[in-house]
Amino acid sequence: MARTENDTWDLASSVGATATAVAASRAMASQGPDPLLDDPWADPLVRAVGIDTFVKLIDGEIGPAGDDPVLSRRSMNEQIAVRTRFFDDFFVQATGSGITQAVILASGLDTRAYRLPWPAGTVVYEIDQPEVIEFKTRTLAGLGAEPTSPRRTVAIDLRDDWPAALAAAGFDTTRPTAWSAEGLLPYLPPEAQDRLFDNVTGLSAPGSRVATEHLDLRNVPPDWADRLTERSRRIGSDINLAELFYTGERNTAAEYLAGHGWRVDVRTTEQAYAANGFQLPDDPLAAFGRDSGYLTATLG
């Protein structure tokens, strides 16, 4: 179903289903004698959501073709490992340097509050739609999972006044913060992306850091999302990315943040793969353009 201005979702529909798909990828990459990740909560969370395709994918009952350079099991495991390790390392390094507030925007089924070694005194805030927050909190509590640092949830749509809700949850604008916006930007209209970064900047004390994907869509074919959607149907997925992504010209995160006082560093997707000992698949659907990748930025 195509996006509308005030659409909502749970973890089995629309944008929420993409969060479940990402968790399923983390679950697969955490399997086997030599796993690429260690996320013990991804598997039970996906099973609790109950999307049959993703459960069967985890169990190996269905799977990608081994000759697909993007959607083979190995390629999928490497892709999610690169992405997950990047944001894991970002938070570990930021909090290790003394930053004591972390904010996970559009947290979905992110389990970092439960699995990262947060230093004493760190507070982790998670922001997402109320139903998403409630489901994950309840499910993980039922599994006996406990956050490894104080976790404060902010159950609100990012299109609403989330800065006020974050402040009401105890967020301190005078303390540096580590922010993540993982897998979020394509699902925001261009102007909403700018507004998100405006809010992050306005809430950030000097020394704050942000991590997100750097999407340079200028060289991406206009039917990119349609082609990836068609390819993903081979593994049984019925998520239509072309209906969920917002297209049209937009500022890159690097350009926008650099213009608002942030010192920006971009690691291309190819560089990120190489840093993990992997080789980026030789396929036009392997990344959002040759110059896209992963971004970190520091304020002031």
C-alpha atoms as a PDB file:
ATOM      1  CA  MET A   1       0.000   0.000   0.000  1.00  0.00           C
ATOM      2  CA  ALA A   2       1.381   3.401  -0.991  1.00  0.00           C
ATOM      3  CA  ARG A   3       2.309   5.920   1.691  1.00  0.00           C
ATOM      4  CA  THR A   4      -0.136   8.582   2.800  1.00  0.00           C
ATOM      5  CA  GLU A   5       0.395  11.704   4.878  1.00  0.00           C
ATOM      6  CA  ASN A   6      -0.819  10.303   8.204  1.00  0.00           C
ATOM      7  CA  ASP A   7      -0.330   6.569   7.660  1.00  0.00           C
ATOM      8  CA  THR A   8       0.457   4.325  10.607  1.00  0.00           C
ATOM      9  CA  TRP A   9       1.813   0.807  10.829  1.00  0.00           C
ATOM     10  CA  ASP A  10       2.664  -2.121  13.016  1.00  0.00           C
ATOM     11  CA  LEU A  11       5.571  -4.516  12.594  1.00  0.00           C
ATOM     12  CA  ALA A  12       3.696  -6.633  10.061  1.00  0.00           C
ATOM     13  CA  SER A  13       2.684  -3.849   7.693  1.00  0.00           C
ATOM     14  CA  SER A  14       4.055  -0.975   5.609  1.00  0.00           C
ATOM     15  CA  VAL A  15       7.296   0.523   6.928  1.00  0.00           C
ATOM     16  CA  GLY A  16       7.028  -1.623  10.054  1.00  0.00           C
ATOM     17  CA  ALA A  17       7.421  -4.794   7.997  1.00  0.00           C
ATOM     18  CA  THR A  18      10.774  -3.520   6.747  1.00  0.00           C
ATOM     19  CA  ALA A  19      11.958  -3.348  10.379  1.00  0.00           C
ATOM     20  CA  THR A  20      10.954  -6.980  10.766  1.00  0.00           C
ATOM     21  CA  ALA A  21      12.789  -7.848   7.548  1.00  0.00           C
ATOM     22  CA  VAL A  22      15.960  -6.236   8.895  1.00  0.00           C
ATOM     23  CA  ALA A  23      15.604  -8.152  12.163  1.00  0.00           C
ATOM     24  CA  ALA A  24      15.210 -11.365  10.162  1.00  0.00           C
ATOM     25  CA  SER A  25      18.472 -10.552   8.389  1.00  0.00           C
ATOM     26  CA  ARG A  26      20.192 -10.036  11.749  1.00  0.00           C
ATOM     27  CA  ALA A  27      18.773 -13.327  12.966  1.00  0.00           C
ATOM     28  CA  MET A  28      20.192 -15.168   9.938  1.00  0.00           C
ATOM     29  CA  ALA A  29      23.594 -13.515  10.327  1.00  0.00           C
ATOM     30  CA  SER A  30      23.624 -14.626  13.980  1.00  0.00           C
ATOM     31  CA  GLN A  31      23.203 -18.292  13.045  1.00  0.00           C
ATOM     32  CA  GLY A  32      25.733 -21.059  12.556  1.00  0.00           C
ATOM     33  CA  PRO A  33      29.112 -22.015  14.000  1.00  0.00           C
ATOM     34  CA  ASP A  34      30.770 -18.847  12.673  1.00  0.00           C
ATOM     35  CA  PRO A  35      28.098 -16.150  12.909  1.00  0.00           C
ATOM     36  CA  LEU A  36      28.789 -12.657  11.601  1.00  0.00           C
ATOM     37  CA  LEU A  37      26.621 -11.088  14.323  1.00  0.00           C
ATOM     38  CA  ASP A  38      25.552 -11.840  17.869  1.00  0.00           C
ATOM     39  CA  ASP A  39      21.961 -10.667  18.234  1.00  0.00           C
ATOM     40  CA  PRO A  40      20.150 -13.224  20.418  1.00  0.00           C
ATOM     41  CA  TRP A  41      16.882 -11.271  20.398  1.00  0.00           C
ATOM     42  CA  ALA A  42      16.364 -10.867  16.648  1.00  0.00           C
ATOM     43  CA  ASP A  43      15.101 -14.417  16.086  1.00  0.00           C
ATOM     44  CA  PRO A  44      12.443 -14.485  18.829  1.00  0.00           C
ATOM     45  CA  LEU A  45      11.264 -10.978  17.943  1.00  0.00           C
ATOM     46  CA  VAL A  46      10.710 -11.962  14.301  1.00  0.00           C
ATOM     47  CA  ARG A  47       8.853 -15.099  15.370  1.00  0.00           C
ATOM     48  CA  ALA A  48       6.666 -13.026  17.683  1.00  0.00           C
ATOM     49  CA  VAL A  49       5.714 -10.687  14.818  1.00  0.00           C
ATOM     50  CA  GLY A  50       4.707 -13.795  12.903  1.00  0.00           C
ATOM     51  CA  ILE A  51       5.261 -12.902   9.245  1.00  0.00           C
ATOM     52  CA  ASP A  52       5.432 -16.373   7.723  1.00  0.00           C
ATOM     53  CA  THR A  53       7.956 -15.475   5.022  1.00  0.00           C
ATOM     54  CA  PHE A  54      10.517 -14.174   7.481  1.00  0.00           C
ATOM     55  CA  VAL A  55      10.097 -17.074   9.889  1.00  0.00           C
ATOM     56  CA  LYS A  56      10.618 -19.543   7.040  1.00  0.00           C
ATOM     57  CA  LEU A  57      13.626 -17.555   5.865  1.00  0.00           C
ATOM     58  CA  ILE A  58      15.242 -17.803   9.309  1.00  0.00           C
ATOM     59  CA  ASP A  59      14.486 -21.531   9.449  1.00  0.00           C
ATOM     60  CA  GLY A  60      15.944 -22.127   5.979  1.00  0.00           C
ATOM     61  CA  GLU A  61      12.639 -23.421   4.628  1.00  0.00           C
ATOM     62  CA  ILE A  62      12.796 -20.806   1.892  1.00  0.00           C
ATOM     63  CA  GLY A  63      15.799 -18.881   0.768  1.00  0.00           C
ATOM     64  CA  PRO A  64      17.507 -16.774  -1.815  1.00  0.00           C
ATOM     65  CA  ALA A  65      19.135 -18.234  -4.875  1.00  0.00           C
ATOM     66  CA  GLY A  66      22.779 -18.966  -4.321  1.00  0.00           C
ATOM     67  CA  ASP A  67      23.736 -17.271  -7.571  1.00  0.00           C
ATOM     68  CA  ASP A  68      22.047 -13.945  -6.776  1.00  0.00           C
ATOM     69  CA  PRO A  69      24.863 -11.469  -6.105  1.00  0.00           C
ATOM     70  CA  VAL A  70      22.681  -9.345  -3.804  1.00  0.00           C
ATOM     71  CA  LEU A  71      20.137 -11.732  -2.264  1.00  0.00           C
ATOM     72  CA  SER A  72      22.109 -14.914  -1.736  1.00  0.00           C
ATOM     73  CA  ARG A  73      22.227 -15.915   1.938  1.00  0.00           C
ATOM     74  CA  ARG A  74      25.911 -15.085   2.128  1.00  0.00           C
ATOM     75  CA  SER A  75      25.420 -11.683   0.491  1.00  0.00           C
ATOM     76  CA  MET A  76      22.493 -10.858   2.775  1.00  0.00           C
ATOM     77  CA  ASN A  77      24.471 -11.879   5.866  1.00  0.00           C
ATOM     78  CA  GLU A  78      27.433  -9.754   4.850  1.00  0.00           C
ATOM     79  CA  GLN A  79      25.272  -6.740   4.034  1.00  0.00           C
ATOM     80  CA  ILE A  80      23.501  -6.760   7.397  1.00  0.00           C
ATOM     81  CA  ALA A  81      26.771  -7.425   9.200  1.00  0.00           C
ATOM     82  CA  VAL A  82      28.362  -4.335   7.627  1.00  0.00           C
ATOM     83  CA  ARG A  83      25.365  -2.196   8.523  1.00  0.00           C
ATOM     84  CA  THR A  84      24.893  -3.521  12.061  1.00  0.00           C
ATOM     85  CA  ARG A  85      28.573  -3.377  12.974  1.00  0.00           C
ATOM     86  CA  PHE A  86      28.797   0.214  11.733  1.00  0.00           C
ATOM     87  CA  PHE A  87      26.060   1.441  14.077  1.00  0.00           C
ATOM     88  CA  ASP A  88      27.214  -0.820  16.928  1.00  0.00           C
ATOM     89  CA  ASP A  89      30.737   0.560  16.673  1.00  0.00           C
ATOM     90  CA  PHE A  90      29.404   4.104  16.465  1.00  0.00           C
ATOM     91  CA  PHE A  91      27.608   3.814  19.791  1.00  0.00           C
ATOM     92  CA  VAL A  92      30.445   1.936  21.486  1.00  0.00           C
ATOM     93  CA  GLN A  93      32.973   4.572  20.429  1.00  0.00           C
ATOM     94  CA  ALA A  94      30.717   7.547  21.211  1.00  0.00           C
ATOM     95  CA  THR A  95      29.780   6.385  24.681  1.00  0.00           C
ATOM     96  CA  GLY A  96      33.317   5.180  25.287  1.00  0.00           C
ATOM     97  CA  SER A  97      34.460   8.761  24.731  1.00  0.00           C
ATOM     98  CA  GLY A  98      32.192  10.030  27.493  1.00  0.00           C
ATOM     99  CA  ILE A  99      28.857  10.697  25.757  1.00  0.00           C
ATOM    100  CA  THR A 100      26.147   9.535  28.150  1.00  0.00           C
ATOM    101  CA  GLN A 101      22.959   9.963  26.083  1.00  0.00           C
ATOM    102  CA  ALA A 102      22.036   7.809  23.089  1.00  0.00           C
ATOM    103  CA  VAL A 103      18.947   8.304  20.934  1.00  0.00           C
ATOM    104  CA  ILE A 104      17.808   5.653  18.454  1.00  0.00           C
ATOM    105  CA  LEU A 105      15.420   7.263  15.967  1.00  0.00           C
ATOM    106  CA  ALA A 106      12.784   4.936  14.441  1.00  0.00           C
ATOM    107  CA  SER A 107      14.075   2.151  16.667  1.00  0.00           C
ATOM    108  CA  GLY A 108      11.833  -0.614  15.290  1.00  0.00           C
ATOM    109  CA  LEU A 109      13.211  -3.996  16.401  1.00  0.00           C
ATOM    110  CA  ASP A 110      16.651  -2.576  17.220  1.00  0.00           C
ATOM    111  CA  THR A 111      18.043  -4.480  20.226  1.00  0.00           C
ATOM    112  CA  ARG A 112      21.085  -2.362  21.039  1.00  0.00           C
ATOM    113  CA  ALA A 113      19.611  -1.236  24.350  1.00  0.00           C
ATOM    114  CA  TYR A 114      19.645  -4.918  25.336  1.00  0.00           C
ATOM    115  CA  ARG A 115      22.923  -6.159  23.886  1.00  0.00           C
ATOM    116  CA  LEU A 116      25.555  -3.400  23.713  1.00  0.00           C
ATOM    117  CA  PRO A 117      27.987  -2.872  26.619  1.00  0.00           C
ATOM    118  CA  TRP A 118      26.786   0.608  27.561  1.00  0.00           C
ATOM    119  CA  PRO A 119      29.051   2.376  30.077  1.00  0.00           C
ATOM    120  CA  ALA A 120      27.616   3.092  33.511  1.00  0.00           C
ATOM    121  CA  GLY A 121      25.584   6.271  33.512  1.00  0.00           C
ATOM    122  CA  THR A 122      24.437   5.996  29.888  1.00  0.00           C
ATOM    123  CA  VAL A 123      20.755   6.494  29.122  1.00  0.00           C
ATOM    124  CA  VAL A 124      19.333   5.044  25.899  1.00  0.00           C
ATOM    125  CA  TYR A 125      16.232   6.620  24.348  1.00  0.00           C
ATOM    126  CA  GLU A 126      14.196   4.790  21.709  1.00  0.00           C
ATOM    127  CA  ILE A 127      11.711   6.660  19.518  1.00  0.00           C
ATOM    128  CA  ASP A 128       9.098   4.950  17.361  1.00  0.00           C
ATOM    129  CA  GLN A 129       5.380   4.567  16.800  1.00  0.00           C
ATOM    130  CA  PRO A 130       3.485   3.615  19.983  1.00  0.00           C
ATOM    131  CA  GLU A 131       2.433   0.160  18.777  1.00  0.00           C
ATOM    132  CA  VAL A 132       5.986  -0.691  17.725  1.00  0.00           C
ATOM    133  CA  ILE A 133       7.431   0.414  21.068  1.00  0.00           C
ATOM    134  CA  GLU A 134       4.759  -1.463  23.045  1.00  0.00           C
ATOM    135  CA  PHE A 135       5.213  -4.691  21.076  1.00  0.00           C
ATOM    136  CA  LYS A 136       8.990  -4.833  21.428  1.00  0.00           C
ATOM    137  CA  THR A 137       8.998  -3.860  25.099  1.00  0.00           C
ATOM    138  CA  ARG A 138       6.351  -6.438  25.980  1.00  0.00           C
ATOM    139  CA  THR A 139       7.886  -9.217  23.882  1.00  0.00           C
ATOM    140  CA  LEU A 140      11.410  -8.787  25.218  1.00  0.00           C
ATOM    141  CA  ALA A 141      10.140  -8.601  28.789  1.00  0.00           C
ATOM    142  CA  GLY A 142       8.317 -11.869  28.194  1.00  0.00           C
ATOM    143  CA  LEU A 143      11.583 -13.407  26.997  1.00  0.00           C
ATOM    144  CA  GLY A 144      13.349 -12.286  30.165  1.00  0.00           C
ATOM    145  CA  ALA A 145      15.515  -9.782  28.325  1.00  0.00           C
ATOM    146  CA  GLU A 146      16.733  -6.797  30.307  1.00  0.00           C
ATOM    147  CA  PRO A 147      18.315  -3.605  28.969  1.00  0.00           C
ATOM    148  CA  THR A 148      22.035  -3.285  29.650  1.00  0.00           C
ATOM    149  CA  SER A 149      21.533   0.396  30.492  1.00  0.00           C
ATOM    150  CA  PRO A 150      18.546   2.530  31.497  1.00  0.00           C
ATOM    151  CA  ARG A 151      16.154   2.520  28.505  1.00  0.00           C
ATOM    152  CA  ARG A 152      13.557   5.225  28.065  1.00  0.00           C
ATOM    153  CA  THR A 153      10.971   4.808  25.346  1.00  0.00           C
ATOM    154  CA  VAL A 154       9.374   7.690  23.467  1.00  0.00           C
ATOM    155  CA  ALA A 155       6.238   6.373  21.797  1.00  0.00           C
ATOM    156  CA  ILE A 156       5.535   8.927  19.092  1.00  0.00           C
ATOM    157  CA  ASP A 157       5.514   9.293  15.333  1.00  0.00           C
ATOM    158  CA  LEU A 158       8.501  11.241  14.018  1.00  0.00           C
ATOM    159  CA  ARG A 159       6.052  13.401  12.071  1.00  0.00           C
ATOM    160  CA  ASP A 160       4.692  14.683  15.400  1.00  0.00           C
ATOM    161  CA  ASP A 161       6.421  16.804  18.071  1.00  0.00           C
ATOM    162  CA  TRP A 162       8.934  14.182  19.067  1.00  0.00           C
ATOM    163  CA  PRO A 163      11.463  16.715  20.469  1.00  0.00           C
ATOM    164  CA  ALA A 164       8.918  17.702  23.144  1.00  0.00           C
ATOM    165  CA  ALA A 165       8.164  14.044  23.886  1.00  0.00           C
ATOM    166  CA  LEU A 166      11.883  13.309  24.148  1.00  0.00           C
ATOM    167  CA  ALA A 167      12.329  16.181  26.600  1.00  0.00           C
ATOM    168  CA  ALA A 168       9.395  14.888  28.643  1.00  0.00           C
ATOM    169  CA  ALA A 169      11.190  11.521  28.885  1.00  0.00           C
ATOM    170  CA  GLY A 170      14.159  13.224  30.558  1.00  0.00           C
ATOM    171  CA  PHE A 171      16.410  14.084  27.635  1.00  0.00           C
ATOM    172  CA  ASP A 172      18.979  16.758  28.548  1.00  0.00           C
ATOM    173  CA  THR A 173      19.889  19.185  25.757  1.00  0.00           C
ATOM    174  CA  THR A 174      22.954  20.395  27.688  1.00  0.00           C
ATOM    175  CA  ARG A 175      24.672  16.995  27.433  1.00  0.00           C
ATOM    176  CA  PRO A 176      26.276  15.660  24.228  1.00  0.00           C
ATOM    177  CA  THR A 177      24.251  12.936  22.559  1.00  0.00           C
ATOM    178  CA  ALA A 178      24.902  10.051  20.172  1.00  0.00           C
ATOM    179  CA  TRP A 179      22.094   9.845  17.591  1.00  0.00           C
ATOM    180  CA  SER A 180      21.363   7.081  15.090  1.00  0.00           C
ATOM    181  CA  ALA A 181      19.030   7.201  12.099  1.00  0.00           C
ATOM    182  CA  GLU A 182      19.459   3.706  10.680  1.00  0.00           C
ATOM    183  CA  GLY A 183      17.434   2.604   7.674  1.00  0.00           C
ATOM    184  CA  LEU A 184      15.215   5.664   8.014  1.00  0.00           C
ATOM    185  CA  LEU A 185      15.961   8.340   5.426  1.00  0.00           C
ATOM    186  CA  PRO A 186      14.372   6.783   2.275  1.00  0.00           C
ATOM    187  CA  TYR A 187      11.075   6.515   4.151  1.00  0.00           C
ATOM    188  CA  LEU A 188      10.993  10.273   4.796  1.00  0.00           C
ATOM    189  CA  PRO A 189       9.911  12.889   2.272  1.00  0.00           C
ATOM    190  CA  PRO A 190      12.844  15.168   1.355  1.00  0.00           C
ATOM    191  CA  GLU A 191      11.563  18.052   3.468  1.00  0.00           C
ATOM    192  CA  ALA A 192      10.934  15.728   6.434  1.00  0.00           C
ATOM    193  CA  GLN A 193      14.531  14.521   6.229  1.00  0.00           C
ATOM    194  CA  ASP A 194      15.756  18.113   6.485  1.00  0.00           C
ATOM    195  CA  ARG A 195      13.375  18.769   9.387  1.00  0.00           C
ATOM    196  CA  LEU A 196      14.655  15.673  11.190  1.00  0.00           C
ATOM    197  CA  PHE A 197      18.233  16.927  10.982  1.00  0.00           C
ATOM    198  CA  ASP A 198      17.115  20.418  12.010  1.00  0.00           C
ATOM    199  CA  ASN A 199      15.576  18.941  15.151  1.00  0.00           C
ATOM    200  CA  VAL A 200      18.610  16.788  15.891  1.00  0.00           C
ATOM    201  CA  THR A 201      20.858  19.831  15.504  1.00  0.00           C
ATOM    202  CA  GLY A 202      18.644  21.970  17.716  1.00  0.00           C
ATOM    203  CA  LEU A 203      18.633  19.346  20.467  1.00  0.00           C
ATOM    204  CA  SER A 204      22.372  18.627  20.341  1.00  0.00           C
ATOM    205  CA  ALA A 205      25.011  20.069  22.626  1.00  0.00           C
ATOM    206  CA  PRO A 206      28.498  20.632  21.163  1.00  0.00           C
ATOM    207  CA  GLY A 207      30.348  17.340  20.839  1.00  0.00           C
ATOM    208  CA  SER A 208      27.214  15.401  19.927  1.00  0.00           C
ATOM    209  CA  ARG A 209      27.515  12.771  17.203  1.00  0.00           C
ATOM    210  CA  VAL A 210      25.152  11.344  14.631  1.00  0.00           C
ATOM    211  CA  ALA A 211      25.318   8.233  12.471  1.00  0.00           C
ATOM    212  CA  THR A 212      23.168   7.462   9.458  1.00  0.00           C
ATOM    213  CA  GLU A 213      23.333   6.109   5.942  1.00  0.00           C
ATOM    214  CA  HIS A 214      24.648   8.517   3.335  1.00  0.00           C
ATOM    215  CA  LEU A 215      22.389   8.242   0.304  1.00  0.00           C
ATOM    216  CA  ASP A 216      23.556   9.834  -2.907  1.00  0.00           C
ATOM    217  CA  LEU A 217      20.624   9.151  -5.196  1.00  0.00           C
ATOM    218  CA  ARG A 218      21.767  11.304  -8.096  1.00  0.00           C
ATOM    219  CA  ASN A 219      23.187   8.343  -9.999  1.00  0.00           C
ATOM    220  CA  VAL A 220      20.597   5.766  -8.988  1.00  0.00           C
ATOM    221  CA  PRO A 221      18.253   4.544 -11.764  1.00  0.00           C
ATOM    222  CA  PRO A 222      14.691   5.816 -11.261  1.00  0.00           C
ATOM    223  CA  ASP A 223      13.364   2.252 -11.185  1.00  0.00           C
ATOM    224  CA  TRP A 224      15.881   1.137  -8.522  1.00  0.00           C
ATOM    225  CA  ALA A 225      13.222   0.362  -5.906  1.00  0.00           C
ATOM    226  CA  ASP A 226      11.042  -1.488  -8.430  1.00  0.00           C
ATOM    227  CA  ARG A 227      13.974  -3.635  -9.512  1.00  0.00           C
ATOM    228  CA  LEU A 228      14.957  -4.475  -5.932  1.00  0.00           C
ATOM    229  CA  THR A 229      11.331  -5.257  -5.083  1.00  0.00           C
ATOM    230  CA  GLU A 230      11.106  -7.618  -8.045  1.00  0.00           C
ATOM    231  CA  ARG A 231      14.357  -9.308  -7.020  1.00  0.00           C
ATOM    232  CA  SER A 232      13.235  -9.715  -3.402  1.00  0.00           C
ATOM    233  CA  ARG A 233      10.045 -11.461  -4.471  1.00  0.00           C
ATOM    234  CA  ARG A 234      12.252 -14.431  -5.341  1.00  0.00           C
ATOM    235  CA  ILE A 235      12.690 -15.062  -1.610  1.00  0.00           C
ATOM    236  CA  GLY A 236       8.991 -14.663  -0.919  1.00  0.00           C
ATOM    237  CA  SER A 237       8.942 -11.067   0.277  1.00  0.00           C
ATOM    238  CA  ASP A 238       5.832  -9.062  -0.568  1.00  0.00           C
ATOM    239  CA  ILE A 239       7.216  -5.716   0.634  1.00  0.00           C
ATOM    240  CA  ASN A 240       6.946  -3.188  -2.183  1.00  0.00           C
ATOM    241  CA  LEU A 241       9.796  -0.748  -1.603  1.00  0.00           C
ATOM    242  CA  ALA A 242       8.654   1.395  -4.522  1.00  0.00           C
ATOM    243  CA  GLU A 243       5.485   2.184  -2.555  1.00  0.00           C
ATOM    244  CA  LEU A 244       7.356   2.893   0.691  1.00  0.00           C
ATOM    245  CA  PHE A 245      10.310   5.004  -0.481  1.00  0.00           C
ATOM    246  CA  TYR A 246       9.920   8.714  -1.077  1.00  0.00           C
ATOM    247  CA  THR A 247      11.605   9.711  -4.311  1.00  0.00           C
ATOM    248  CA  GLY A 248      12.521  13.078  -5.781  1.00  0.00           C
ATOM    249  CA  GLU A 249      15.471  15.342  -5.300  1.00  0.00           C
ATOM    250  CA  ARG A 250      16.722  15.666  -1.748  1.00  0.00           C
ATOM    251  CA  ASN A 251      19.743  16.960   0.111  1.00  0.00           C
ATOM    252  CA  THR A 252      22.315  14.365   0.992  1.00  0.00           C
ATOM    253  CA  ALA A 253      22.805  13.947   4.717  1.00  0.00           C
ATOM    254  CA  ALA A 254      26.464  14.904   4.330  1.00  0.00           C
ATOM    255  CA  GLU A 255      25.753  18.186   2.574  1.00  0.00           C
ATOM    256  CA  TYR A 256      22.934  19.171   4.884  1.00  0.00           C
ATOM    257  CA  LEU A 257      24.718  18.380   8.139  1.00  0.00           C
ATOM    258  CA  ALA A 258      27.938  20.023   6.973  1.00  0.00           C
ATOM    259  CA  GLY A 259      25.935  23.160   6.261  1.00  0.00           C
ATOM    260  CA  HIS A 260      24.561  23.157   9.808  1.00  0.00           C
ATOM    261  CA  GLY A 261      27.736  23.003  11.832  1.00  0.00           C
ATOM    262  CA  TRP A 262      28.588  19.297  11.781  1.00  0.00           C
ATOM    263  CA  ARG A 263      31.996  17.852  10.861  1.00  0.00           C
ATOM    264  CA  VAL A 264      31.132  15.013   8.526  1.00  0.00           C
ATOM    265  CA  ASP A 265      32.932  11.810   7.588  1.00  0.00           C
ATOM    266  CA  VAL A 266      31.569   9.430   4.953  1.00  0.00           C
ATOM    267  CA  ARG A 267      32.666   5.838   4.421  1.00  0.00           C
ATOM    268  CA  THR A 268      31.495   4.530   1.060  1.00  0.00           C
ATOM    269  CA  THR A 269      29.707   1.207   0.951  1.00  0.00           C
ATOM    270  CA  GLU A 270      32.709  -0.319  -0.784  1.00  0.00           C
ATOM    271  CA  GLN A 271      35.023   0.970   1.953  1.00  0.00           C
ATOM    272  CA  ALA A 272      32.669  -0.312   4.655  1.00  0.00           C
ATOM    273  CA  TYR A 273      32.658  -3.771   3.103  1.00  0.00           C
ATOM    274  CA  ALA A 274      36.447  -3.778   2.822  1.00  0.00           C
ATOM    275  CA  ALA A 275      36.807  -2.746   6.476  1.00  0.00           C
ATOM    276  CA  ASN A 276      34.911  -5.913   7.387  1.00  0.00           C
ATOM    277  CA  GLY A 277      36.889  -8.152   5.052  1.00  0.00           C
ATOM    278  CA  PHE A 278      34.077  -8.444   2.500  1.00  0.00           C
ATOM    279  CA  GLN A 279      33.788  -7.510  -1.157  1.00  0.00           C
ATOM    280  CA  LEU A 280      30.854  -5.426  -2.325  1.00  0.00           C
ATOM    281  CA  PRO A 281      28.753  -7.454  -4.800  1.00  0.00           C
ATOM    282  CA  ASP A 282      29.261  -6.455  -8.416  1.00  0.00           C
ATOM    283  CA  ASP A 283      25.649  -5.563  -9.031  1.00  0.00           C
ATOM    284  CA  PRO A 284      23.876  -2.232  -9.662  1.00  0.00           C
ATOM    285  CA  LEU A 285      21.410  -3.005  -6.843  1.00  0.00           C
ATOM    286  CA  ALA A 286      24.104  -3.532  -4.233  1.00  0.00           C
ATOM    287  CA  ALA A 287      24.033   0.046  -2.931  1.00  0.00           C
ATOM    288  CA  PHE A 288      22.261   3.379  -3.234  1.00  0.00           C
ATOM    289  CA  GLY A 289      24.704   4.606  -5.848  1.00  0.00           C
ATOM    290  CA  ARG A 290      28.469   4.362  -5.998  1.00  0.00           C
ATOM    291  CA  ASP A 291      29.050   7.301  -3.636  1.00  0.00           C
ATOM    292  CA  SER A 292      26.560   6.207  -0.985  1.00  0.00           C
ATOM    293  CA  GLY A 293      27.611   4.592   2.260  1.00  0.00           C
ATOM    294  CA  TYR A 294      27.709   5.353   5.958  1.00  0.00           C
ATOM    295  CA  LEU A 295      28.059   8.707   7.654  1.00  0.00           C
ATOM    296  CA  THR A 296      29.201   9.929  11.038  1.00  0.00           C
ATOM    297  CA  ALA A 297      29.239  13.576  12.070  1.00  0.00           C
ATOM    298  CA  THR A 298      30.257  15.575  15.130  1.00  0.00           C
ATOM    299  CA  LEU A 299      28.738  18.919  16.128  1.00  0.00           C
ATOM    300  CA  GLY A 300      30.973  21.906  16.805  1.00  0.00           C
END
